[in-house]
Amino acid sequence: MISEEEQNRRRESWRQANASVRIEGGTISEEYQALQERHIRGEISRAALRAELDEMDRMR
Protein backbone atom coordinates (compact mmCIF):
# COMPACT_ATOMS: atom_id res chain seq x y z
CA MET A 1 0.00 0.00 0.00
CA ILE A 2 1.00 3.61 -0.41
CA SER A 3 0.81 6.47 2.05
CA GLU A 4 -2.27 8.62 2.46
CA GLU A 5 -0.20 11.59 1.31
CA GLU A 6 0.68 9.79 -1.94
CA GLN A 7 -2.94 8.77 -2.42
CA ASN A 8 -4.01 12.40 -2.02
CA ARG A 9 -1.37 13.51 -4.52
CA ARG A 10 -2.54 10.93 -7.05
CA ARG A 11 -6.21 11.78 -6.46
CA GLU A 12 -5.53 15.47 -7.12
CA SER A 13 -3.54 14.65 -10.26
CA TRP A 14 -6.39 12.53 -11.59
CA ARG A 15 -8.93 15.21 -10.64
CA GLN A 16 -7.03 17.77 -12.71
CA ALA A 17 -6.58 15.39 -15.64
CA ASN A 18 -10.28 14.50 -15.63
CA ALA A 19 -11.24 18.18 -15.48
CA SER A 20 -9.11 18.85 -18.56
CA VAL A 21 -10.81 16.03 -20.44
CA ARG A 22 -14.27 17.34 -19.50
CA ILE A 23 -13.38 20.93 -20.45
CA GLU A 24 -12.53 19.63 -23.92
CA GLY A 25 -15.90 17.88 -24.11
CA GLY A 26 -14.65 14.38 -23.36
CA THR A 27 -16.11 11.82 -21.04
CA ILE A 28 -14.49 9.39 -18.66
CA SER A 29 -16.00 5.93 -18.48
CA GLU A 30 -16.85 4.24 -15.21
CA GLU A 31 -14.37 1.51 -16.14
CA TYR A 32 -11.60 4.07 -16.54
CA GLN A 33 -12.56 5.79 -13.29
CA ALA A 34 -12.34 2.42 -11.53
CA LEU A 35 -8.81 1.95 -12.91
CA GLN A 36 -7.88 5.42 -11.70
CA GLU A 37 -9.12 4.56 -8.20
CA ARG A 38 -7.06 1.36 -8.17
CA HIS A 39 -4.00 3.43 -9.13
CA ILE A 40 -4.80 6.02 -6.44
CA ARG A 41 -4.99 3.31 -3.77
CA GLY A 42 -1.72 1.81 -4.97
CA GLU A 43 -3.28 -1.47 -6.11
CA ILE A 44 -1.72 -1.12 -9.56
CA SER A 45 1.39 0.65 -10.79
CA ARG A 46 1.44 3.25 -13.52
CA ALA A 47 2.82 0.61 -15.91
CA ALA A 48 0.02 -1.81 -15.01
CA LEU A 49 -2.52 0.98 -15.47
CA ARG A 50 -1.11 1.70 -18.94
CA ALA A 51 -1.23 -2.01 -19.84
CA GLU A 52 -4.88 -2.26 -18.75
CA LEU A 53 -5.78 0.85 -20.75
CA ASP A 54 -4.05 -0.56 -23.82
CA GLU A 55 -6.03 -3.78 -23.38
CA MET A 56 -9.28 -1.81 -23.07
CA ASP A 57 -8.46 -0.04 -26.34
CA ARG A 58 -7.78 -3.35 -28.10
CA MET A 59 -11.14 -4.72 -26.94
CA ARG A 60 -13.08 -1.81 -28.47
PDB file of N, CA and C in Angstrom:
ATOM      1  N   MET A   1       0.833  -1.190   0.000  1.00  0.00           N
ATOM      2  CA  MET A   1       0.000   0.000   0.000  1.00  0.00           C
ATOM      3  C   MET A   1       0.874   1.249   0.000  1.00  0.00           C
ATOM      4  N   ILE A   2       0.280   2.341  -0.381  1.00  0.00           N
ATOM      5  CA  ILE A   2       1.002   3.606  -0.409  1.00  0.00           C
ATOM      6  C   ILE A   2       0.449   4.530   0.671  1.00  0.00           C
ATOM      7  N   SER A   3       1.197   5.560   0.978  1.00  0.00           N
ATOM      8  CA  SER A   3       0.807   6.473   2.052  1.00  0.00           C
ATOM      9  C   SER A   3      -0.439   7.272   1.669  1.00  0.00           C
ATOM     10  N   GLU A   4      -1.103   7.771   2.689  1.00  0.00           N
ATOM     11  CA  GLU A   4      -2.271   8.615   2.465  1.00  0.00           C
ATOM     12  C   GLU A   4      -1.871   9.880   1.704  1.00  0.00           C
ATOM     13  N   GLU A   5      -0.699  10.401   2.010  1.00  0.00           N
ATOM     14  CA  GLU A   5      -0.199  11.586   1.310  1.00  0.00           C
ATOM     15  C   GLU A   5      -0.043  11.309  -0.189  1.00  0.00           C
ATOM     16  N   GLU A   6       0.520  10.155  -0.524  1.00  0.00           N
ATOM     17  CA  GLU A   6       0.683   9.794  -1.937  1.00  0.00           C
ATOM     18  C   GLU A   6      -0.672   9.568  -2.592  1.00  0.00           C
ATOM     19  N   GLN A   7      -1.601   8.955  -1.874  1.00  0.00           N
ATOM     20  CA  GLN A   7      -2.943   8.765  -2.422  1.00  0.00           C
ATOM     21  C   GLN A   7      -3.589  10.118  -2.717  1.00  0.00           C
ATOM     22  N   ASN A   8      -3.441  11.063  -1.800  1.00  0.00           N
ATOM     23  CA  ASN A   8      -4.007  12.399  -2.016  1.00  0.00           C
ATOM     24  C   ASN A   8      -3.369  13.081  -3.216  1.00  0.00           C
ATOM     25  N   ARG A   9      -2.062  12.921  -3.380  1.00  0.00           N
ATOM     26  CA  ARG A   9      -1.368  13.512  -4.524  1.00  0.00           C
ATOM     27  C   ARG A   9      -1.892  12.917  -5.831  1.00  0.00           C
ATOM     28  N   ARG A  10      -2.031  11.598  -5.848  1.00  0.00           N
ATOM     29  CA  ARG A  10      -2.545  10.931  -7.051  1.00  0.00           C
ATOM     30  C   ARG A  10      -3.986  11.333  -7.332  1.00  0.00           C
ATOM     31  N   ARG A  11      -4.802  11.412  -6.277  1.00  0.00           N
ATOM     32  CA  ARG A  11      -6.209  11.778  -6.463  1.00  0.00           C
ATOM     33  C   ARG A  11      -6.315  13.178  -7.074  1.00  0.00           C
ATOM     34  N   GLU A  12      -5.508  14.110  -6.587  1.00  0.00           N
ATOM     35  CA  GLU A  12      -5.525  15.472  -7.124  1.00  0.00           C
ATOM     36  C   GLU A  12      -5.041  15.492  -8.574  1.00  0.00           C
ATOM     37  N   SER A  13      -4.024  14.723  -8.878  1.00  0.00           N
ATOM     38  CA  SER A  13      -3.535  14.651 -10.261  1.00  0.00           C
ATOM     39  C   SER A  13      -4.621  14.129 -11.190  1.00  0.00           C
ATOM     40  N   TRP A  14      -5.312  13.073 -10.765  1.00  0.00           N
ATOM     41  CA  TRP A  14      -6.389  12.527 -11.593  1.00  0.00           C
ATOM     42  C   TRP A  14      -7.549  13.515 -11.699  1.00  0.00           C
ATOM     43  N   ARG A  15      -7.852  14.227 -10.611  1.00  0.00           N
ATOM     44  CA  ARG A  15      -8.935  15.207 -10.644  1.00  0.00           C
ATOM     45  C   ARG A  15      -8.637  16.265 -11.708  1.00  0.00           C
ATOM     46  N   GLN A  16      -7.408  16.754 -11.726  1.00  0.00           N
ATOM     47  CA  GLN A  16      -7.026  17.767 -12.707  1.00  0.00           C
ATOM     48  C   GLN A  16      -7.055  17.212 -14.132  1.00  0.00           C
ATOM     49  N   ALA A  17      -6.563  16.006 -14.308  1.00  0.00           N
ATOM     50  CA  ALA A  17      -6.576  15.386 -15.638  1.00  0.00           C
ATOM     51  C   ALA A  17      -8.011  15.194 -16.129  1.00  0.00           C
ATOM     52  N   ASN A  18      -8.880  14.712 -15.250  1.00  0.00           N
ATOM     53  CA  ASN A  18     -10.275  14.496 -15.628  1.00  0.00           C
ATOM     54  C   ASN A  18     -10.967  15.815 -15.956  1.00  0.00           C
ATOM     55  N   ALA A  19     -10.654  16.864 -15.203  1.00  0.00           N
ATOM     56  CA  ALA A  19     -11.240  18.175 -15.479  1.00  0.00           C
ATOM     57  C   ALA A  19     -10.829  18.659 -16.867  1.00  0.00           C
ATOM     58  N   SER A  20      -9.588  18.451 -17.230  1.00  0.00           N
ATOM     59  CA  SER A  20      -9.112  18.853 -18.561  1.00  0.00           C
ATOM     60  C   SER A  20      -9.863  18.112 -19.659  1.00  0.00           C
ATOM     61  N   VAL A  21     -10.071  16.825 -19.456  1.00  0.00           N
ATOM     62  CA  VAL A  21     -10.812  16.028 -20.440  1.00  0.00           C
ATOM     63  C   VAL A  21     -12.229  16.571 -20.584  1.00  0.00           C
ATOM     64  N   ARG A  22     -12.880  16.855 -19.458  1.00  0.00           N
ATOM     65  CA  ARG A  22     -14.267  17.338 -19.499  1.00  0.00           C
ATOM     66  C   ARG A  22     -14.364  18.727 -20.123  1.00  0.00           C
ATOM     67  N   ILE A  23     -13.382  19.589 -19.849  1.00  0.00           N
ATOM     68  CA  ILE A  23     -13.381  20.928 -20.446  1.00  0.00           C
ATOM     69  C   ILE A  23     -13.351  20.826 -21.967  1.00  0.00           C
ATOM     70  N   GLU A  24     -12.638  19.836 -22.474  1.00  0.00           N
ATOM     71  CA  GLU A  24     -12.527  19.633 -23.919  1.00  0.00           C
ATOM     72  C   GLU A  24     -13.711  18.859 -24.492  1.00  0.00           C
ATOM     73  N   GLY A  25     -14.698  18.560 -23.647  1.00  0.00           N
ATOM     74  CA  GLY A  25     -15.901  17.885 -24.111  1.00  0.00           C
ATOM     75  C   GLY A  25     -15.838  16.372 -24.058  1.00  0.00           C
ATOM     76  N   GLY A  26     -14.796  15.835 -23.470  1.00  0.00           N
ATOM     77  CA  GLY A  26     -14.650  14.385 -23.365  1.00  0.00           C
ATOM     78  C   GLY A  26     -15.405  13.818 -22.178  1.00  0.00           C
ATOM     79  N   THR A  27     -15.500  12.525 -22.167  1.00  0.00           N
ATOM     80  CA  THR A  27     -16.112  11.823 -21.044  1.00  0.00           C
ATOM     81  C   THR A  27     -15.137  10.778 -20.525  1.00  0.00           C
ATOM     82  N   ILE A  28     -15.343  10.383 -19.301  1.00  0.00           N
ATOM     83  CA  ILE A  28     -14.488   9.391 -18.659  1.00  0.00           C
ATOM     84  C   ILE A  28     -15.388   8.244 -18.216  1.00  0.00           C
ATOM     85  N   SER A  29     -15.141   7.075 -18.766  1.00  0.00           N
ATOM     86  CA  SER A  29     -15.999   5.925 -18.483  1.00  0.00           C
ATOM     87  C   SER A  29     -15.867   5.481 -17.030  1.00  0.00           C
ATOM     88  N   GLU A  30     -16.895   4.798 -16.562  1.00  0.00           N
ATOM     89  CA  GLU A  30     -16.854   4.239 -15.209  1.00  0.00           C
ATOM     90  C   GLU A  30     -15.711   3.242 -15.080  1.00  0.00           C
ATOM     91  N   GLU A  31     -15.463   2.493 -16.143  1.00  0.00           N
ATOM     92  CA  GLU A  31     -14.374   1.515 -16.137  1.00  0.00           C
ATOM     93  C   GLU A  31     -13.022   2.215 -15.962  1.00  0.00           C
ATOM     94  N   TYR A  32     -12.847   3.317 -16.657  1.00  0.00           N
ATOM     95  CA  TYR A  32     -11.600   4.074 -16.544  1.00  0.00           C
ATOM     96  C   TYR A  32     -11.474   4.705 -15.158  1.00  0.00           C
ATOM     97  N   GLN A  33     -12.572   5.220 -14.630  1.00  0.00           N
ATOM     98  CA  GLN A  33     -12.555   5.790 -13.288  1.00  0.00           C
ATOM     99  C   GLN A  33     -12.196   4.731 -12.247  1.00  0.00           C
ATOM    100  N   ALA A  34     -12.671   3.513 -12.446  1.00  0.00           N
ATOM    101  CA  ALA A  34     -12.337   2.421 -11.525  1.00  0.00           C
ATOM    102  C   ALA A  34     -10.840   2.115 -11.581  1.00  0.00           C
ATOM    103  N   LEU A  35     -10.254   2.152 -12.778  1.00  0.00           N
ATOM    104  CA  LEU A  35      -8.808   1.953 -12.908  1.00  0.00           C
ATOM    105  C   LEU A  35      -8.044   3.074 -12.212  1.00  0.00           C
ATOM    106  N   GLN A  36      -8.520   4.295 -12.374  1.00  0.00           N
ATOM    107  CA  GLN A  36      -7.884   5.421 -11.695  1.00  0.00           C
ATOM    108  C   GLN A  36      -7.885   5.197 -10.185  1.00  0.00           C
ATOM    109  N   GLU A  37      -9.009   4.771  -9.652  1.00  0.00           N
ATOM    110  CA  GLU A  37      -9.116   4.556  -8.203  1.00  0.00           C
ATOM    111  C   GLU A  37      -8.160   3.466  -7.741  1.00  0.00           C
ATOM    112  N   ARG A  38      -8.018   2.420  -8.525  1.00  0.00           N
ATOM    113  CA  ARG A  38      -7.056   1.364  -8.174  1.00  0.00           C
ATOM    114  C   ARG A  38      -5.641   1.922  -8.154  1.00  0.00           C
ATOM    115  N   HIS A  39      -5.323   2.799  -9.093  1.00  0.00           N
ATOM    116  CA  HIS A  39      -4.003   3.433  -9.129  1.00  0.00           C
ATOM    117  C   HIS A  39      -3.835   4.357  -7.914  1.00  0.00           C
ATOM    118  N   ILE A  40      -4.852   5.122  -7.596  1.00  0.00           N
ATOM    119  CA  ILE A  40      -4.802   6.023  -6.444  1.00  0.00           C
ATOM    120  C   ILE A  40      -4.507   5.241  -5.168  1.00  0.00           C
ATOM    121  N   ARG A  41      -5.171   4.115  -4.990  1.00  0.00           N
ATOM    122  CA  ARG A  41      -4.990   3.308  -3.770  1.00  0.00           C
ATOM    123  C   ARG A  41      -3.686   2.522  -3.768  1.00  0.00           C
ATOM    124  N   GLY A  42      -2.991   2.519  -4.900  1.00  0.00           N
ATOM    125  CA  GLY A  42      -1.722   1.807  -4.972  1.00  0.00           C
ATOM    126  C   GLY A  42      -1.867   0.333  -5.287  1.00  0.00           C
ATOM    127  N   GLU A  43      -3.041  -0.063  -5.767  1.00  0.00           N
ATOM    128  CA  GLU A  43      -3.279  -1.468  -6.105  1.00  0.00           C
ATOM    129  C   GLU A  43      -2.590  -1.855  -7.410  1.00  0.00           C
ATOM    130  N   ILE A  44      -2.415  -0.871  -8.293  1.00  0.00           N
ATOM    131  CA  ILE A  44      -1.723  -1.120  -9.556  1.00  0.00           C
ATOM    132  C   ILE A  44      -0.724   0.008  -9.799  1.00  0.00           C
ATOM    133  N   SER A  45       0.362  -0.338 -10.448  1.00  0.00           N
ATOM    134  CA  SER A  45       1.392   0.650 -10.785  1.00  0.00           C
ATOM    135  C   SER A  45       0.960   1.439 -12.018  1.00  0.00           C
ATOM    136  N   ARG A  46       1.710   2.469 -12.311  1.00  0.00           N
ATOM    137  CA  ARG A  46       1.442   3.247 -13.521  1.00  0.00           C
ATOM    138  C   ARG A  46       1.597   2.373 -14.766  1.00  0.00           C
ATOM    139  N   ALA A  47       2.608   1.504 -14.765  1.00  0.00           N
ATOM    140  CA  ALA A  47       2.822   0.606 -15.909  1.00  0.00           C
ATOM    141  C   ALA A  47       1.652  -0.363 -16.065  1.00  0.00           C
ATOM    142  N   ALA A  48       1.158  -0.893 -14.956  1.00  0.00           N
ATOM    143  CA  ALA A  48       0.016  -1.807 -15.011  1.00  0.00           C
ATOM    144  C   ALA A  48      -1.237  -1.070 -15.471  1.00  0.00           C
ATOM    145  N   LEU A  49      -1.395   0.161 -15.026  1.00  0.00           N
ATOM    146  CA  LEU A  49      -2.519   0.984 -15.470  1.00  0.00           C
ATOM    147  C   LEU A  49      -2.460   1.162 -16.982  1.00  0.00           C
ATOM    148  N   ARG A  50      -1.285   1.510 -17.501  1.00  0.00           N
ATOM    149  CA  ARG A  50      -1.106   1.695 -18.943  1.00  0.00           C
ATOM    150  C   ARG A  50      -1.436   0.410 -19.704  1.00  0.00           C
ATOM    151  N   ALA A  51      -0.970  -0.725 -19.186  1.00  0.00           N
ATOM    152  CA  ALA A  51      -1.234  -2.007 -19.839  1.00  0.00           C
ATOM    153  C   ALA A  51      -2.734  -2.298 -19.870  1.00  0.00           C
ATOM    154  N   GLU A  52      -3.432  -2.020 -18.779  1.00  0.00           N
ATOM    155  CA  GLU A  52      -4.882  -2.258 -18.745  1.00  0.00           C
ATOM    156  C   GLU A  52      -5.606  -1.331 -19.711  1.00  0.00           C
ATOM    157  N   LEU A  53      -5.161  -0.084 -19.806  1.00  0.00           N
ATOM    158  CA  LEU A  53      -5.776   0.849 -20.750  1.00  0.00           C
ATOM    159  C   LEU A  53      -5.548   0.405 -22.188  1.00  0.00           C
ATOM    160  N   ASP A  54      -4.345  -0.054 -22.473  1.00  0.00           N
ATOM    161  CA  ASP A  54      -4.055  -0.564 -23.816  1.00  0.00           C
ATOM    162  C   ASP A  54      -4.953  -1.753 -24.145  1.00  0.00           C
ATOM    163  N   GLU A  55      -5.152  -2.622 -23.177  1.00  0.00           N
ATOM    164  CA  GLU A  55      -6.028  -3.784 -23.378  1.00  0.00           C
ATOM    165  C   GLU A  55      -7.468  -3.336 -23.612  1.00  0.00           C
ATOM    166  N   MET A  56      -7.935  -2.342 -22.863  1.00  0.00           N
ATOM    167  CA  MET A  56      -9.282  -1.812 -23.065  1.00  0.00           C
ATOM    168  C   MET A  56      -9.428  -1.284 -24.490  1.00  0.00           C
ATOM    169  N   ASP A  57      -8.416  -0.575 -24.972  1.00  0.00           N
ATOM    170  CA  ASP A  57      -8.459  -0.040 -26.337  1.00  0.00           C
ATOM    171  C   ASP A  57      -8.521  -1.157 -27.373  1.00  0.00           C
ATOM    172  N   ARG A  58      -7.769  -2.225 -27.158  1.00  0.00           N
ATOM    173  CA  ARG A  58      -7.780  -3.352 -28.103  1.00  0.00           C
ATOM    174  C   ARG A  58      -9.145  -4.037 -28.143  1.00  0.00           C
ATOM    175  N   MET A  59      -9.846  -4.036 -27.021  1.00  0.00           N
ATOM    176  CA  MET A  59     -11.140  -4.716 -26.938  1.00  0.00           C
ATOM    177  C   MET A  59     -12.259  -3.916 -27.614  1.00  0.00           C
ATOM    178  N   ARG A  60     -12.028  -2.660 -27.876  1.00  0.00           N
ATOM    179  CA  ARG A  60     -13.079  -1.808 -28.470  1.00  0.00           C
ATOM    180  C   ARG A  60     -13.134  -1.923 -29.946  1.00  0.00           C
TER     181      ARG A  60
END
